[in-house]
């Protein structure tokens, strides 16, 4: 059921001393809606004494709701206090996760560094082997050249110095010792060696 409000409506802030006991706990003055019971009046004639009527003030500041507001603030503060350990726990969990990740990264890094060190040692070993093989090849090449030289010398010694063939029979002249094949020496035989021109004192037959 809706009731009509007669008279002018004014709003003012009441200090703590004029507020109700429920309002006295608030930190600031309350806003009060004042409804006057005065009816609309016609302007009085000059000289006429204005009737004085006692005005009735009604407090519409709703202290109950103000108390609820204070309770909500207290509830928010309590909730914040309850959430603080949860936040600390979350931070602790994040620190644990971060530390575990750092340890895993360190382990992987150490493993990779160990692999790299092992590969470097293998490369160094292979380089030593390569140097050893090169030195060995150099020695073998030298040996091969020496053998080749000796082989050539032996072949040259086994060849007739006139026809450069390797004869099955040799004729060695004395006293110089030069040898020639029988086929080349027979038509060239004389008193002197065809190579050093020394006087021939004898001929030896050899194989």
C-alpha atoms as a PDB file:
ATOM      1  CA  UNK A   1       0.000   0.000   0.000  1.00  0.00           C
ATOM      2  CA  UNK A   2       1.528   3.284  -1.073  1.00  0.00           C
ATOM      3  CA  UNK A   3       1.283   6.334   1.194  1.00  0.00           C
ATOM      4  CA  UNK A   4       1.578   9.895   0.041  1.00  0.00           C
ATOM      5  CA  UNK A   5       4.166  12.199   1.582  1.00  0.00           C
ATOM      6  CA  UNK A   6       2.946  15.690   2.275  1.00  0.00           C
ATOM      7  CA  UNK A   7       5.122  18.691   2.763  1.00  0.00           C
ATOM      8  CA  UNK A   8       8.547  19.659   1.373  1.00  0.00           C
ATOM      9  CA  UNK A   9      11.399  17.194   1.333  1.00  0.00           C
ATOM     10  CA  UNK A  10      14.878  18.361   2.367  1.00  0.00           C
ATOM     11  CA  UNK A  11      18.185  16.487   2.610  1.00  0.00           C
ATOM     12  CA  UNK A  12      20.914  17.346   5.095  1.00  0.00           C
ATOM     13  CA  UNK A  13      23.922  15.665   6.740  1.00  0.00           C
ATOM     14  CA  UNK A  14      23.548  14.992  10.456  1.00  0.00           C
ATOM     15  CA  UNK A  15      26.619  15.045  12.717  1.00  0.00           C
ATOM     16  CA  UNK A  16      27.312  12.128  15.021  1.00  0.00           C
ATOM     17  CA  UNK A  17      25.680  13.799  17.987  1.00  0.00           C
ATOM     18  CA  UNK A  18      22.331  14.029  16.209  1.00  0.00           C
ATOM     19  CA  UNK A  19      22.490  10.624  14.561  1.00  0.00           C
ATOM     20  CA  UNK A  20      20.821   7.554  15.971  1.00  0.00           C
ATOM     21  CA  UNK A  21      22.820   5.083  18.129  1.00  0.00           C
ATOM     22  CA  UNK A  22      22.970   2.661  15.219  1.00  0.00           C
ATOM     23  CA  UNK A  23      24.532   5.435  13.183  1.00  0.00           C
ATOM     24  CA  UNK A  24      26.972   6.499  15.919  1.00  0.00           C
ATOM     25  CA  UNK A  25      29.378   3.689  14.980  1.00  0.00           C
ATOM     26  CA  UNK A  26      29.885   5.088  11.484  1.00  0.00           C
ATOM     27  CA  UNK A  27      33.004   7.076  10.664  1.00  0.00           C
ATOM     28  CA  UNK A  28      31.267   9.993   8.956  1.00  0.00           C
ATOM     29  CA  UNK A  29      28.017  11.948   9.133  1.00  0.00           C
ATOM     30  CA  UNK A  30      24.918  10.362   7.626  1.00  0.00           C
ATOM     31  CA  UNK A  31      22.679  11.764   4.943  1.00  0.00           C
ATOM     32  CA  UNK A  32      19.184  12.265   6.358  1.00  0.00           C
ATOM     33  CA  UNK A  33      16.023  12.849   4.365  1.00  0.00           C
ATOM     34  CA  UNK A  34      13.760  15.247   6.295  1.00  0.00           C
ATOM     35  CA  UNK A  35      10.074  15.395   5.480  1.00  0.00           C
ATOM     36  CA  UNK A  36       8.234  18.302   6.988  1.00  0.00           C
ATOM     37  CA  UNK A  37       4.551  18.024   7.983  1.00  0.00           C
ATOM     38  CA  UNK A  38       3.896  21.605   7.047  1.00  0.00           C
ATOM     39  CA  UNK A  39       1.288  22.045   4.395  1.00  0.00           C
ATOM     40  CA  UNK A  40       1.650  24.529   1.635  1.00  0.00           C
ATOM     41  CA  UNK A  41       0.890  27.958   2.988  1.00  0.00           C
ATOM     42  CA  UNK A  42      -0.183  31.129   1.357  1.00  0.00           C
ATOM     43  CA  UNK A  43       2.077  34.094   2.018  1.00  0.00           C
ATOM     44  CA  UNK A  44       0.981  35.920   5.187  1.00  0.00           C
ATOM     45  CA  UNK A  45       0.050  39.536   5.153  1.00  0.00           C
ATOM     46  CA  UNK A  46       2.534  42.033   6.445  1.00  0.00           C
ATOM     47  CA  UNK A  47       2.405  42.298  10.178  1.00  0.00           C
ATOM     48  CA  UNK A  48       0.749  38.942  10.633  1.00  0.00           C
ATOM     49  CA  UNK A  49       2.581  36.676  13.028  1.00  0.00           C
ATOM     50  CA  UNK A  50       3.680  33.460  11.383  1.00  0.00           C
ATOM     51  CA  UNK A  51       2.374  30.475  13.264  1.00  0.00           C
ATOM     52  CA  UNK A  52       5.080  28.320  14.676  1.00  0.00           C
ATOM     53  CA  UNK A  53       4.551  24.642  14.291  1.00  0.00           C
ATOM     54  CA  UNK A  54       6.753  21.919  15.593  1.00  0.00           C
ATOM     55  CA  UNK A  55       8.424  20.116  12.771  1.00  0.00           C
ATOM     56  CA  UNK A  56       8.825  16.362  12.768  1.00  0.00           C
ATOM     57  CA  UNK A  57      12.041  14.888  11.405  1.00  0.00           C
ATOM     58  CA  UNK A  58      12.151  11.395  10.048  1.00  0.00           C
ATOM     59  CA  UNK A  59      15.523   9.591   9.657  1.00  0.00           C
ATOM     60  CA  UNK A  60      15.753   7.742   6.370  1.00  0.00           C
ATOM     61  CA  UNK A  61      19.480   7.086   6.528  1.00  0.00           C
ATOM     62  CA  UNK A  62      18.990   3.299   6.667  1.00  0.00           C
ATOM     63  CA  UNK A  63      21.532   2.446   9.395  1.00  0.00           C
ATOM     64  CA  UNK A  64      20.815  -1.237   8.944  1.00  0.00           C
ATOM     65  CA  UNK A  65      22.136  -1.090   5.391  1.00  0.00           C
ATOM     66  CA  UNK A  66      25.125   0.904   6.578  1.00  0.00           C
ATOM     67  CA  UNK A  67      25.834  -1.873   9.041  1.00  0.00           C
ATOM     68  CA  UNK A  68      25.535  -4.395   6.230  1.00  0.00           C
ATOM     69  CA  UNK A  69      28.001  -2.318   4.208  1.00  0.00           C
ATOM     70  CA  UNK A  70      30.443  -2.411   7.113  1.00  0.00           C
ATOM     71  CA  UNK A  71      29.903  -6.160   7.362  1.00  0.00           C
ATOM     72  CA  UNK A  72      30.676  -6.492   3.645  1.00  0.00           C
ATOM     73  CA  UNK A  73      33.911  -4.547   4.109  1.00  0.00           C
ATOM     74  CA  UNK A  74      34.830  -6.784   7.044  1.00  0.00           C
ATOM     75  CA  UNK A  75      33.925  -9.844   4.971  1.00  0.00           C
ATOM     76  CA  UNK A  76      36.154  -8.653   2.119  1.00  0.00           C
ATOM     77  CA  UNK A  77      39.016  -8.087   4.557  1.00  0.00           C
ATOM     78  CA  UNK A  78      38.507 -11.562   6.029  1.00  0.00           C
ATOM     79  CA  UNK A  79      38.392 -13.069   2.569  1.00  0.00           C
ATOM     80  CA  UNK A  80      41.618 -11.246   1.704  1.00  0.00           C
ATOM     81  CA  UNK A  81      43.236 -12.642   4.854  1.00  0.00           C
ATOM     82  CA  UNK A  82      42.074 -16.151   3.882  1.00  0.00           C
ATOM     83  CA  UNK A  83      43.383 -15.777   0.323  1.00  0.00           C
ATOM     84  CA  UNK A  84      46.827 -14.661   1.492  1.00  0.00           C
ATOM     85  CA  UNK A  85      48.012 -18.193   2.518  1.00  0.00           C
ATOM     86  CA  UNK A  86      46.678 -19.535  -0.786  1.00  0.00           C
ATOM     87  CA  UNK A  87      48.693 -16.939  -2.685  1.00  0.00           C
ATOM     88  CA  UNK A  88      51.776 -17.811  -0.651  1.00  0.00           C
ATOM     89  CA  UNK A  89      51.200 -21.485  -1.419  1.00  0.00           C
ATOM     90  CA  UNK A  90      50.849 -20.714  -5.140  1.00  0.00           C
ATOM     91  CA  UNK A  91      54.074 -18.701  -5.062  1.00  0.00           C
ATOM     92  CA  UNK A  92      55.810 -21.556  -3.250  1.00  0.00           C
ATOM     93  CA  UNK A  93      54.526 -24.027  -5.847  1.00  0.00           C
ATOM     94  CA  UNK A  94      55.742 -21.779  -8.662  1.00  0.00           C
ATOM     95  CA  UNK A  95      59.155 -21.525  -6.992  1.00  0.00           C
ATOM     96  CA  UNK A  96      59.286 -25.318  -6.760  1.00  0.00           C
ATOM     97  CA  UNK A  97      58.354 -25.698 -10.438  1.00  0.00           C
ATOM     98  CA  UNK A  98      60.960 -23.104 -11.421  1.00  0.00           C
ATOM     99  CA  UNK A  99      63.660 -24.799  -9.355  1.00  0.00           C
ATOM    100  CA  UNK A 100      62.797 -28.192 -10.863  1.00  0.00           C
ATOM    101  CA  UNK A 101      62.938 -26.719 -14.379  1.00  0.00           C
ATOM    102  CA  UNK A 102      66.311 -25.122 -13.630  1.00  0.00           C
ATOM    103  CA  UNK A 103      67.652 -28.441 -12.348  1.00  0.00           C
ATOM    104  CA  UNK A 104      66.425 -30.243 -15.474  1.00  0.00           C
ATOM    105  CA  UNK A 105      68.006 -27.580 -17.693  1.00  0.00           C
ATOM    106  CA  UNK A 106      71.259 -27.883 -15.756  1.00  0.00           C
ATOM    107  CA  UNK A 107      71.180 -31.682 -16.097  1.00  0.00           C
ATOM    108  CA  UNK A 108      70.554 -31.457 -19.852  1.00  0.00           C
ATOM    109  CA  UNK A 109      73.291 -28.850 -20.197  1.00  0.00           C
ATOM    110  CA  UNK A 110      75.787 -31.007 -18.303  1.00  0.00           C
ATOM    111  CA  UNK A 111      74.859 -34.050 -20.405  1.00  0.00           C
ATOM    112  CA  UNK A 112      75.288 -32.119 -23.639  1.00  0.00           C
ATOM    113  CA  UNK A 113      78.575 -30.696 -22.430  1.00  0.00           C
ATOM    114  CA  UNK A 114      79.728 -34.228 -21.594  1.00  0.00           C
ATOM    115  CA  UNK A 115      78.787 -35.398 -25.082  1.00  0.00           C
ATOM    116  CA  UNK A 116      80.626 -32.460 -26.605  1.00  0.00           C
ATOM    117  CA  UNK A 117      83.712 -33.189 -24.514  1.00  0.00           C
ATOM    118  CA  UNK A 118      83.589 -36.841 -25.586  1.00  0.00           C
ATOM    119  CA  UNK A 119      83.283 -35.860 -29.258  1.00  0.00           C
ATOM    120  CA  UNK A 120      86.209 -33.470 -28.906  1.00  0.00           C
ATOM    121  CA  UNK A 121      88.299 -36.270 -27.401  1.00  0.00           C
ATOM    122  CA  UNK A 122      87.308 -38.598 -30.255  1.00  0.00           C
ATOM    123  CA  UNK A 123      88.202 -35.922 -32.817  1.00  0.00           C
ATOM    124  CA  UNK A 124      91.557 -35.395 -31.102  1.00  0.00           C
ATOM    125  CA  UNK A 125      92.212 -39.152 -31.163  1.00  0.00           C
ATOM    126  CA  UNK A 126      91.330 -39.326 -34.852  1.00  0.00           C
ATOM    127  CA  UNK A 127      93.629 -36.393 -35.600  1.00  0.00           C
ATOM    128  CA  UNK A 128      96.470 -38.192 -33.790  1.00  0.00           C
ATOM    129  CA  UNK A 129      95.774 -41.310 -35.838  1.00  0.00           C
ATOM    130  CA  UNK A 130      95.743 -39.279 -39.045  1.00  0.00           C
ATOM    131  CA  UNK A 131      99.104 -37.705 -38.161  1.00  0.00           C
ATOM    132  CA  UNK A 132     100.498 -41.134 -37.359  1.00  0.00           C
ATOM    133  CA  UNK A 133      99.200 -42.559 -40.644  1.00  0.00           C
ATOM    134  CA  UNK A 134     100.665 -39.645 -42.593  1.00  0.00           C
ATOM    135  CA  UNK A 135     104.040 -40.153 -40.953  1.00  0.00           C
ATOM    136  CA  UNK A 136     103.795 -43.858 -41.691  1.00  0.00           C
ATOM    137  CA  UNK A 137     102.848 -43.174 -45.295  1.00  0.00           C
ATOM    138  CA  UNK A 138     105.810 -40.815 -45.596  1.00  0.00           C
ATOM    139  CA  UNK A 139     108.120 -43.538 -44.303  1.00  0.00           C
ATOM    140  CA  UNK A 140     106.602 -46.087 -46.662  1.00  0.00           C
ATOM    141  CA  UNK A 141     106.922 -43.712 -49.595  1.00  0.00           C
ATOM    142  CA  UNK A 142     110.586 -43.216 -48.753  1.00  0.00           C
ATOM    143  CA  UNK A 143     111.067 -46.945 -48.442  1.00  0.00           C
ATOM    144  CA  UNK A 144     109.294 -47.489 -51.742  1.00  0.00           C
ATOM    145  CA  UNK A 145     111.529 -44.948 -53.478  1.00  0.00           C
ATOM    146  CA  UNK A 146     114.596 -46.628 -52.024  1.00  0.00           C
ATOM    147  CA  UNK A 147     113.367 -50.014 -53.158  1.00  0.00           C
ATOM    148  CA  UNK A 148     112.577 -48.605 -56.560  1.00  0.00           C
ATOM    149  CA  UNK A 149     116.053 -47.154 -56.818  1.00  0.00           C
ATOM    150  CA  UNK A 150     117.649 -50.421 -55.797  1.00  0.00           C
ATOM    151  CA  UNK A 151     115.440 -52.322 -58.199  1.00  0.00           C
ATOM    152  CA  UNK A 152     116.457 -50.006 -60.989  1.00  0.00           C
ATOM    153  CA  UNK A 153     120.085 -50.418 -60.040  1.00  0.00           C
ATOM    154  CA  UNK A 154     119.698 -54.180 -59.977  1.00  0.00           C
ATOM    155  CA  UNK A 155     117.950 -54.130 -63.299  1.00  0.00           C
ATOM    156  CA  UNK A 156     120.622 -51.861 -64.677  1.00  0.00           C
ATOM    157  CA  UNK A 157     123.283 -54.131 -63.363  1.00  0.00           C
ATOM    158  CA  UNK A 158     121.531 -57.121 -64.899  1.00  0.00           C
ATOM    159  CA  UNK A 159     121.257 -55.429 -68.284  1.00  0.00           C
ATOM    160  CA  UNK A 160     123.820 -55.540 -70.952  1.00  0.00           C
ATOM    161  CA  UNK A 161     125.291 -52.095 -71.309  1.00  0.00           C
ATOM    162  CA  UNK A 162     125.323 -52.444 -75.043  1.00  0.00           C
ATOM    163  CA  UNK A 163     121.875 -53.849 -75.921  1.00  0.00           C
ATOM    164  CA  UNK A 164     120.141 -53.220 -72.535  1.00  0.00           C
ATOM    165  CA  UNK A 165     118.746 -56.712 -72.402  1.00  0.00           C
ATOM    166  CA  UNK A 166     118.998 -59.198 -69.590  1.00  0.00           C
ATOM    167  CA  UNK A 167     121.064 -61.993 -71.094  1.00  0.00           C
ATOM    168  CA  UNK A 168     121.020 -65.606 -70.068  1.00  0.00           C
ATOM    169  CA  UNK A 169     124.816 -65.738 -70.346  1.00  0.00           C
ATOM    170  CA  UNK A 170     127.366 -63.171 -69.369  1.00  0.00           C
ATOM    171  CA  UNK A 171     130.893 -62.536 -70.425  1.00  0.00           C
ATOM    172  CA  UNK A 172     132.969 -60.841 -67.725  1.00  0.00           C
ATOM    173  CA  UNK A 173     136.141 -59.151 -68.851  1.00  0.00           C
ATOM    174  CA  UNK A 174     139.294 -59.251 -66.790  1.00  0.00           C
ATOM    175  CA  UNK A 175     140.760 -57.430 -65.056  1.00  0.00           C
ATOM    176  CA  UNK A 176     138.108 -54.544 -65.159  1.00  0.00           C
ATOM    177  CA  UNK A 177     135.121 -56.838 -64.410  1.00  0.00           C
ATOM    178  CA  UNK A 178     132.687 -55.270 -66.877  1.00  0.00           C
ATOM    179  CA  UNK A 179     130.074 -57.674 -68.200  1.00  0.00           C
ATOM    180  CA  UNK A 180     128.416 -57.952 -71.547  1.00  0.00           C
ATOM    181  CA  UNK A 181     126.154 -60.460 -73.194  1.00  0.00           C
ATOM    182  CA  UNK A 182     127.811 -62.993 -75.385  1.00  0.00           C
ATOM    183  CA  UNK A 183     125.963 -61.796 -78.454  1.00  0.00           C
ATOM    184  CA  UNK A 184     127.191 -58.197 -78.123  1.00  0.00           C
ATOM    185  CA  UNK A 185     130.748 -59.021 -77.009  1.00  0.00           C
ATOM    186  CA  UNK A 186     131.553 -61.557 -79.773  1.00  0.00           C
ATOM    187  CA  UNK A 187     131.618 -59.122 -82.700  1.00  0.00           C
ATOM    188  CA  UNK A 188     133.184 -56.374 -80.572  1.00  0.00           C
ATOM    189  CA  UNK A 189     135.826 -58.509 -78.987  1.00  0.00           C
ATOM    190  CA  UNK A 190     139.267 -56.980 -79.137  1.00  0.00           C
ATOM    191  CA  UNK A 191     142.231 -56.305 -76.925  1.00  0.00           C
ATOM    192  CA  UNK A 192     140.508 -53.563 -74.880  1.00  0.00           C
ATOM    193  CA  UNK A 193     137.250 -53.321 -72.834  1.00  0.00           C
ATOM    194  CA  UNK A 194     134.582 -51.490 -74.881  1.00  0.00           C
ATOM    195  CA  UNK A 195     133.583 -49.494 -71.807  1.00  0.00           C
ATOM    196  CA  UNK A 196     136.751 -48.527 -69.914  1.00  0.00           C
ATOM    197  CA  UNK A 197     139.305 -49.306 -72.674  1.00  0.00           C
ATOM    198  CA  UNK A 198     141.472 -51.346 -70.370  1.00  0.00           C
ATOM    199  CA  UNK A 199     143.497 -54.164 -71.832  1.00  0.00           C
ATOM    200  CA  UNK A 200     141.655 -57.470 -71.645  1.00  0.00           C
ATOM    201  CA  UNK A 201     143.659 -60.232 -70.091  1.00  0.00           C
ATOM    202  CA  UNK A 202     140.895 -62.803 -69.873  1.00  0.00           C
ATOM    203  CA  UNK A 203     137.136 -63.531 -70.250  1.00  0.00           C
ATOM    204  CA  UNK A 204     134.949 -65.365 -67.768  1.00  0.00           C
ATOM    205  CA  UNK A 205     131.718 -67.056 -68.669  1.00  0.00           C
ATOM    206  CA  UNK A 206     128.904 -66.576 -66.101  1.00  0.00           C
ATOM    207  CA  UNK A 207     125.137 -67.039 -65.846  1.00  0.00           C
END
